[in-house]
Amino acid sequence: RERRVIEGDMRDQAMDIVESLFDED
């Protein structure tokens, strides 16, 4: 359960970084 929480926070943070690498289109 703790792993899921850590993973969820990291996933959201990582996705924010990834989305900043290229424009939406």
PDB file of all heavy atoms in Angstrom:
ATOM      1  N   ARG A   1       0.845  -1.208   0.000  1.00  0.00           N
ATOM      2  CA  ARG A   1       0.000   0.000   0.000  1.00  0.00           C
ATOM      3  C   ARG A   1       0.874   1.250   0.000  1.00  0.00           C
ATOM      4  O   ARG A   1       0.582   2.230  -0.709  1.00  0.00           O
ATOM      5  CB  ARG A   1      -0.937  -0.001   1.206  1.00  0.00           C
ATOM      6  CG  ARG A   1      -2.003  -1.086   1.160  1.00  0.00           C
ATOM      7  CD  ARG A   1      -2.823  -1.119   2.445  1.00  0.00           C
ATOM      8  NE  ARG A   1      -3.670  -2.279   2.493  1.00  0.00           N
ATOM      9  CZ  ARG A   1      -4.885  -2.360   1.939  1.00  0.00           C
ATOM     10  NH1 ARG A   1      -5.356  -1.315   1.286  1.00  0.00           N
ATOM     11  NH2 ARG A   1      -5.591  -3.468   2.038  1.00  0.00           N
ATOM     12  N   GLU A   2       1.934   1.223   0.792  1.00  0.00           N
ATOM     13  CA  GLU A   2       2.869   2.351   0.814  1.00  0.00           C
ATOM     14  C   GLU A   2       3.528   2.518  -0.557  1.00  0.00           C
ATOM     15  O   GLU A   2       3.712   3.638  -1.049  1.00  0.00           O
ATOM     16  CB  GLU A   2       3.934   2.111   1.890  1.00  0.00           C
ATOM     17  CG  GLU A   2       4.951   3.232   2.017  1.00  0.00           C
ATOM     18  CD  GLU A   2       6.082   2.896   2.976  1.00  0.00           C
ATOM     19  OE1 GLU A   2       6.031   1.817   3.629  1.00  0.00           O
ATOM     20  OE2 GLU A   2       7.027   3.696   3.064  1.00  0.00           O
ATOM     21  N   ARG A   3       3.900   1.393  -1.173  1.00  0.00           N
ATOM     22  CA  ARG A   3       4.504   1.440  -2.510  1.00  0.00           C
ATOM     23  C   ARG A   3       3.577   2.101  -3.508  1.00  0.00           C
ATOM     24  O   ARG A   3       3.985   2.899  -4.351  1.00  0.00           O
ATOM     25  CB  ARG A   3       4.846   0.002  -2.948  1.00  0.00           C
ATOM     26  CG  ARG A   3       5.619  -0.101  -4.256  1.00  0.00           C
ATOM     27  CD  ARG A   3       4.729  -0.207  -5.480  1.00  0.00           C
ATOM     28  NE  ARG A   3       3.800  -1.313  -5.411  1.00  0.00           N
ATOM     29  CZ  ARG A   3       2.803  -1.469  -6.270  1.00  0.00           C
ATOM     30  NH1 ARG A   3       2.586  -0.591  -7.237  1.00  0.00           N
ATOM     31  NH2 ARG A   3       1.977  -2.499  -6.153  1.00  0.00           N
ATOM     32  N   ARG A   4       2.273   1.794  -3.417  1.00  0.00           N
ATOM     33  CA  ARG A   4       1.313   2.382  -4.348  1.00  0.00           C
ATOM     34  C   ARG A   4       1.256   3.894  -4.206  1.00  0.00           C
ATOM     35  O   ARG A   4       1.167   4.622  -5.201  1.00  0.00           O
ATOM     36  CB  ARG A   4      -0.079   1.793  -4.098  1.00  0.00           C
ATOM     37  CG  ARG A   4      -0.259   0.372  -4.598  1.00  0.00           C
ATOM     38  CD  ARG A   4      -1.656  -0.094  -4.262  1.00  0.00           C
ATOM     39  NE  ARG A   4      -1.881  -1.482  -4.592  1.00  0.00           N
ATOM     40  CZ  ARG A   4      -2.886  -2.200  -4.112  1.00  0.00           C
ATOM     41  NH1 ARG A   4      -3.733  -1.660  -3.252  1.00  0.00           N
ATOM     42  NH2 ARG A   4      -3.047  -3.464  -4.465  1.00  0.00           N
ATOM     43  N   VAL A   5       1.295   4.366  -2.974  1.00  0.00           N
ATOM     44  CA  VAL A   5       1.253   5.819  -2.738  1.00  0.00           C
ATOM     45  C   VAL A   5       2.497   6.488  -3.325  1.00  0.00           C
ATOM     46  O   VAL A   5       2.406   7.500  -4.033  1.00  0.00           O
ATOM     47  CB  VAL A   5       1.136   6.125  -1.225  1.00  0.00           C
ATOM     48  CG1 VAL A   5       1.279   7.618  -0.974  1.00  0.00           C
ATOM     49  CG2 VAL A   5      -0.191   5.612  -0.683  1.00  0.00           C
ATOM     50  N   ILE A   6       3.661   5.917  -3.012  1.00  0.00           N
ATOM     51  CA  ILE A   6       4.917   6.475  -3.527  1.00  0.00           C
ATOM     52  C   ILE A   6       4.925   6.435  -5.047  1.00  0.00           C
ATOM     53  O   ILE A   6       5.292   7.412  -5.717  1.00  0.00           O
ATOM     54  CB  ILE A   6       6.126   5.698  -2.963  1.00  0.00           C
ATOM     55  CG1 ILE A   6       6.238   5.918  -1.454  1.00  0.00           C
ATOM     56  CG2 ILE A   6       7.417   6.112  -3.659  1.00  0.00           C
ATOM     57  CD1 ILE A   6       7.279   5.038  -0.781  1.00  0.00           C
ATOM     58  N   GLU A   7       4.500   5.302  -5.590  1.00  0.00           N
ATOM     59  CA  GLU A   7       4.467   5.164  -7.044  1.00  0.00           C
ATOM     60  C   GLU A   7       3.526   6.178  -7.682  1.00  0.00           C
ATOM     61  O   GLU A   7       3.852   6.802  -8.703  1.00  0.00           O
ATOM     62  CB  GLU A   7       4.030   3.750  -7.426  1.00  0.00           C
ATOM     63  CG  GLU A   7       3.925   3.523  -8.921  1.00  0.00           C
ATOM     64  CD  GLU A   7       2.990   2.387  -9.283  1.00  0.00           C
ATOM     65  OE1 GLU A   7       2.862   1.442  -8.495  1.00  0.00           O
ATOM     66  OE2 GLU A   7       2.390   2.465 -10.368  1.00  0.00           O
ATOM     67  N   GLY A   8       2.349   6.353  -7.086  1.00  0.00           N
ATOM     68  CA  GLY A   8       1.378   7.303  -7.636  1.00  0.00           C
ATOM     69  C   GLY A   8       1.923   8.718  -7.677  1.00  0.00           C
ATOM     70  O   GLY A   8       1.799   9.426  -8.688  1.00  0.00           O
ATOM     71  N   ASP A   9       2.549   9.143  -6.575  1.00  0.00           N
ATOM     72  CA  ASP A   9       3.130  10.494  -6.527  1.00  0.00           C
ATOM     73  C   ASP A   9       4.261  10.630  -7.546  1.00  0.00           C
ATOM     74  O   ASP A   9       4.365  11.639  -8.252  1.00  0.00           O
ATOM     75  CB  ASP A   9       3.654  10.798  -5.121  1.00  0.00           C
ATOM     76  CG  ASP A   9       2.535  10.919  -4.094  1.00  0.00           C
ATOM     77  OD1 ASP A   9       1.370  11.094  -4.511  1.00  0.00           O
ATOM     78  OD2 ASP A   9       2.827  10.822  -2.886  1.00  0.00           O
ATOM     79  N   MET A  10       5.121   9.610  -7.608  1.00  0.00           N
ATOM     80  CA  MET A  10       6.232   9.650  -8.558  1.00  0.00           C
ATOM     81  C   MET A  10       5.745   9.631  -9.993  1.00  0.00           C
ATOM     82  O   MET A  10       6.284  10.330 -10.858  1.00  0.00           O
ATOM     83  CB  MET A  10       7.168   8.455  -8.317  1.00  0.00           C
ATOM     84  CG  MET A  10       8.392   8.781  -7.493  1.00  0.00           C
ATOM     85  SD  MET A  10       9.466   7.331  -7.280  1.00  0.00           S
ATOM     86  CE  MET A  10      10.075   7.097  -8.945  1.00  0.00           C
ATOM     87  N   ARG A  11       4.715   8.839 -10.254  1.00  0.00           N
ATOM     88  CA  ARG A  11       4.183   8.750 -11.613  1.00  0.00           C
ATOM     89  C   ARG A  11       3.647  10.104 -12.074  1.00  0.00           C
ATOM     90  O   ARG A  11       3.932  10.557 -13.188  1.00  0.00           O
ATOM     91  CB  ARG A  11       3.088   7.689 -11.678  1.00  0.00           C
ATOM     92  CG  ARG A  11       2.540   7.479 -13.084  1.00  0.00           C
ATOM     93  CD  ARG A  11       1.423   6.450 -13.099  1.00  0.00           C
ATOM     94  NE  ARG A  11       0.283   6.882 -12.304  1.00  0.00           N
ATOM     95  CZ  ARG A  11      -0.143   6.248 -11.208  1.00  0.00           C
ATOM     96  NH1 ARG A  11       0.479   5.171 -10.786  1.00  0.00           N
ATOM     97  NH2 ARG A  11      -1.190   6.698 -10.553  1.00  0.00           N
ATOM     98  N   ASP A  12       2.881  10.767 -11.198  1.00  0.00           N
ATOM     99  CA  ASP A  12       2.340  12.083 -11.556  1.00  0.00           C
ATOM    100  C   ASP A  12       3.460  13.084 -11.809  1.00  0.00           C
ATOM    101  O   ASP A  12       3.417  13.860 -12.771  1.00  0.00           O
ATOM    102  CB  ASP A  12       1.424  12.593 -10.432  1.00  0.00           C
ATOM    103  CG  ASP A  12       0.161  11.762 -10.282  1.00  0.00           C
ATOM    104  OD1 ASP A  12      -0.154  10.996 -11.222  1.00  0.00           O
ATOM    105  OD2 ASP A  12      -0.490  11.856  -9.225  1.00  0.00           O
ATOM    106  N   GLN A  13       4.474  13.052 -10.944  1.00  0.00           N
ATOM    107  CA  GLN A  13       5.604  13.952 -11.084  1.00  0.00           C
ATOM    108  C   GLN A  13       6.378  13.661 -12.370  1.00  0.00           C
ATOM    109  O   GLN A  13       6.771  14.574 -13.113  1.00  0.00           O
ATOM    110  CB  GLN A  13       6.524  13.802  -9.866  1.00  0.00           C
ATOM    111  CG  GLN A  13       7.527  14.926  -9.677  1.00  0.00           C
ATOM    112  CD  GLN A  13       8.283  14.749  -8.363  1.00  0.00           C
ATOM    113  OE1 GLN A  13       7.908  13.940  -7.512  1.00  0.00           O
ATOM    114  NE2 GLN A  13       9.354  15.518  -8.205  1.00  0.00           N
ATOM    115  N   ALA A  14       6.592  12.375 -12.648  1.00  0.00           N
ATOM    116  CA  ALA A  14       7.329  11.989 -13.849  1.00  0.00           C
ATOM    117  C   ALA A  14       6.562  12.375 -15.114  1.00  0.00           C
ATOM    118  O   ALA A  14       7.151  12.837 -16.100  1.00  0.00           O
ATOM    119  CB  ALA A  14       7.592  10.485 -13.827  1.00  0.00           C
ATOM    120  N   MET A  15       5.243  12.192 -15.092  1.00  0.00           N
ATOM    121  CA  MET A  15       4.438  12.555 -16.255  1.00  0.00           C
ATOM    122  C   MET A  15       4.498  14.057 -16.519  1.00  0.00           C
ATOM    123  O   MET A  15       4.528  14.500 -17.675  1.00  0.00           O
ATOM    124  CB  MET A  15       2.988  12.111 -16.062  1.00  0.00           C
ATOM    125  CG  MET A  15       2.773  10.606 -16.128  1.00  0.00           C
ATOM    126  SD  MET A  15       3.252   9.900 -17.732  1.00  0.00           S
ATOM    127  CE  MET A  15       2.835   8.172 -17.444  1.00  0.00           C
ATOM    128  N   ASP A  16       4.530  14.853 -15.452  1.00  0.00           N
ATOM    129  CA  ASP A  16       4.660  16.310 -15.620  1.00  0.00           C
ATOM    130  C   ASP A  16       5.980  16.642 -16.313  1.00  0.00           C
ATOM    131  O   ASP A  16       6.032  17.501 -17.201  1.00  0.00           O
ATOM    132  CB  ASP A  16       4.593  17.016 -14.262  1.00  0.00           C
ATOM    133  CG  ASP A  16       3.188  17.006 -13.672  1.00  0.00           C
ATOM    134  OD1 ASP A  16       2.236  16.782 -14.426  1.00  0.00           O
ATOM    135  OD2 ASP A  16       3.062  17.226 -12.443  1.00  0.00           O
ATOM    136  N   ILE A  17       7.043  15.951 -15.894  1.00  0.00           N
ATOM    137  CA  ILE A  17       8.360  16.177 -16.516  1.00  0.00           C
ATOM    138  C   ILE A  17       8.317  15.757 -17.982  1.00  0.00           C
ATOM    139  O   ILE A  17       8.796  16.478 -18.869  1.00  0.00           O
ATOM    140  CB  ILE A  17       9.459  15.411 -15.763  1.00  0.00           C
ATOM    141  CG1 ILE A  17       9.598  15.933 -14.325  1.00  0.00           C
ATOM    142  CG2 ILE A  17      10.794  15.525 -16.499  1.00  0.00           C
ATOM    143  CD1 ILE A  17      10.532  15.097 -13.453  1.00  0.00           C
ATOM    144  N   VAL A  18       7.732  14.602 -18.247  1.00  0.00           N
ATOM    145  CA  VAL A  18       7.666  14.078 -19.614  1.00  0.00           C
ATOM    146  C   VAL A  18       6.885  15.028 -20.518  1.00  0.00           C
ATOM    147  O   VAL A  18       7.304  15.333 -21.645  1.00  0.00           O
ATOM    148  CB  VAL A  18       7.023  12.677 -19.629  1.00  0.00           C
ATOM    149  CG1 VAL A  18       6.682  12.257 -21.049  1.00  0.00           C
ATOM    150  CG2 VAL A  18       7.950  11.662 -18.995  1.00  0.00           C
ATOM    151  N   GLU A  19       5.742  15.508 -20.033  1.00  0.00           N
ATOM    152  CA  GLU A  19       4.902  16.383 -20.852  1.00  0.00           C
ATOM    153  C   GLU A  19       5.576  17.712 -21.152  1.00  0.00           C
ATOM    154  O   GLU A  19       5.221  18.396 -22.124  1.00  0.00           O
ATOM    155  CB  GLU A  19       3.555  16.594 -20.163  1.00  0.00           C
ATOM    156  CG  GLU A  19       2.671  15.341 -20.200  1.00  0.00           C
ATOM    157  CD  GLU A  19       1.455  15.444 -19.300  1.00  0.00           C
ATOM    158  OE1 GLU A  19       1.262  16.522 -18.691  1.00  0.00           O
ATOM    159  OE2 GLU A  19       0.716  14.447 -19.203  1.00  0.00           O
ATOM    160  N   SER A  20       6.560  18.090 -20.329  1.00  0.00           N
ATOM    161  CA  SER A  20       7.282  19.339 -20.581  1.00  0.00           C
ATOM    162  C   SER A  20       8.341  19.168 -21.676  1.00  0.00           C
ATOM    163  O   SER A  20       8.921  20.149 -22.142  1.00  0.00           O
ATOM    164  CB  SER A  20       7.958  19.824 -19.297  1.00  0.00           C
ATOM    165  OG  SER A  20       9.051  18.987 -18.948  1.00  0.00           O
ATOM    166  N   LEU A  21       8.588  17.921 -22.085  1.00  0.00           N
ATOM    167  CA  LEU A  21       9.633  17.654 -23.076  1.00  0.00           C
ATOM    168  C   LEU A  21       9.181  17.908 -24.505  1.00  0.00           C
ATOM    169  O   LEU A  21      10.006  18.031 -25.404  1.00  0.00           O
ATOM    170  CB  LEU A  21      10.110  16.193 -22.957  1.00  0.00           C
ATOM    171  CG  LEU A  21      10.706  15.770 -21.610  1.00  0.00           C
ATOM    172  CD1 LEU A  21      11.050  14.281 -21.631  1.00  0.00           C
ATOM    173  CD2 LEU A  21      11.956  16.583 -21.292  1.00  0.00           C
ATOM    174  N   PHE A  22       7.867  17.962 -24.735  1.00  0.00           N
ATOM    175  CA  PHE A  22       7.371  18.168 -26.097  1.00  0.00           C
ATOM    176  C   PHE A  22       5.996  18.834 -26.042  1.00  0.00           C
ATOM    177  O   PHE A  22       5.276  18.733 -25.040  1.00  0.00           O
ATOM    178  CB  PHE A  22       7.295  16.851 -26.872  1.00  0.00           C
ATOM    179  CG  PHE A  22       6.407  15.811 -26.243  1.00  0.00           C
ATOM    180  CD1 PHE A  22       5.103  15.622 -26.673  1.00  0.00           C
ATOM    181  CD2 PHE A  22       6.873  15.006 -25.203  1.00  0.00           C
ATOM    182  CE1 PHE A  22       4.283  14.676 -26.101  1.00  0.00           C
ATOM    183  CE2 PHE A  22       6.061  14.051 -24.608  1.00  0.00           C
ATOM    184  CZ  PHE A  22       4.762  13.885 -25.065  1.00  0.00           C
ATOM    185  N   ASP A  23       5.638  19.543 -27.112  1.00  0.00           N
ATOM    186  CA  ASP A  23       4.349  20.211 -27.188  1.00  0.00           C
ATOM    187  C   ASP A  23       3.231  19.192 -27.350  1.00  0.00           C
ATOM    188  O   ASP A  23       3.435  18.087 -27.871  1.00  0.00           O
ATOM    189  CB  ASP A  23       4.322  21.198 -28.362  1.00  0.00           C
ATOM    190  CG  ASP A  23       5.288  22.353 -28.160  1.00  0.00           C
ATOM    191  OD1 ASP A  23       5.558  22.685 -26.984  1.00  0.00           O
ATOM    192  OD2 ASP A  23       5.787  22.901 -29.161  1.00  0.00           O
ATOM    193  N   GLU A  24       2.046  19.579 -26.922  1.00  0.00           N
ATOM    194  CA  GLU A  24       0.913  18.651 -26.900  1.00  0.00           C
ATOM    195  C   GLU A  24       0.597  18.078 -28.271  1.00  0.00           C
ATOM    196  O   GLU A  24       0.213  16.921 -28.402  1.00  0.00           O
ATOM    197  CB  GLU A  24      -0.320  19.383 -26.348  1.00  0.00           C
ATOM    198  CG  GLU A  24      -1.521  18.475 -26.127  1.00  0.00           C
ATOM    199  CD  GLU A  24      -2.680  19.217 -25.485  1.00  0.00           C
ATOM    200  OE1 GLU A  24      -2.479  20.350 -25.012  1.00  0.00           O
ATOM    201  OE2 GLU A  24      -3.784  18.637 -25.463  1.00  0.00           O
ATOM    202  N   ASP A  25       0.776  18.873 -29.321  1.00  0.00           N
ATOM    203  CA  ASP A  25       0.440  18.418 -30.674  1.00  0.00           C
ATOM    204  C   ASP A  25       1.589  17.687 -31.356  1.00  0.00           C
ATOM    205  O   ASP A  25       1.434  17.196 -32.477  1.00  0.00           O
ATOM    206  CB  ASP A  25       0.022  19.616 -31.537  1.00  0.00           C
ATOM    207  CG  ASP A  25      -1.254  20.276 -31.010  1.00  0.00           C
ATOM    208  OD1 ASP A  25      -2.086  19.557 -30.420  1.00  0.00           O
ATOM    209  OD2 ASP A  25      -1.400  21.498 -31.186  1.00  0.00           O
TER     210      ASP A  25
END
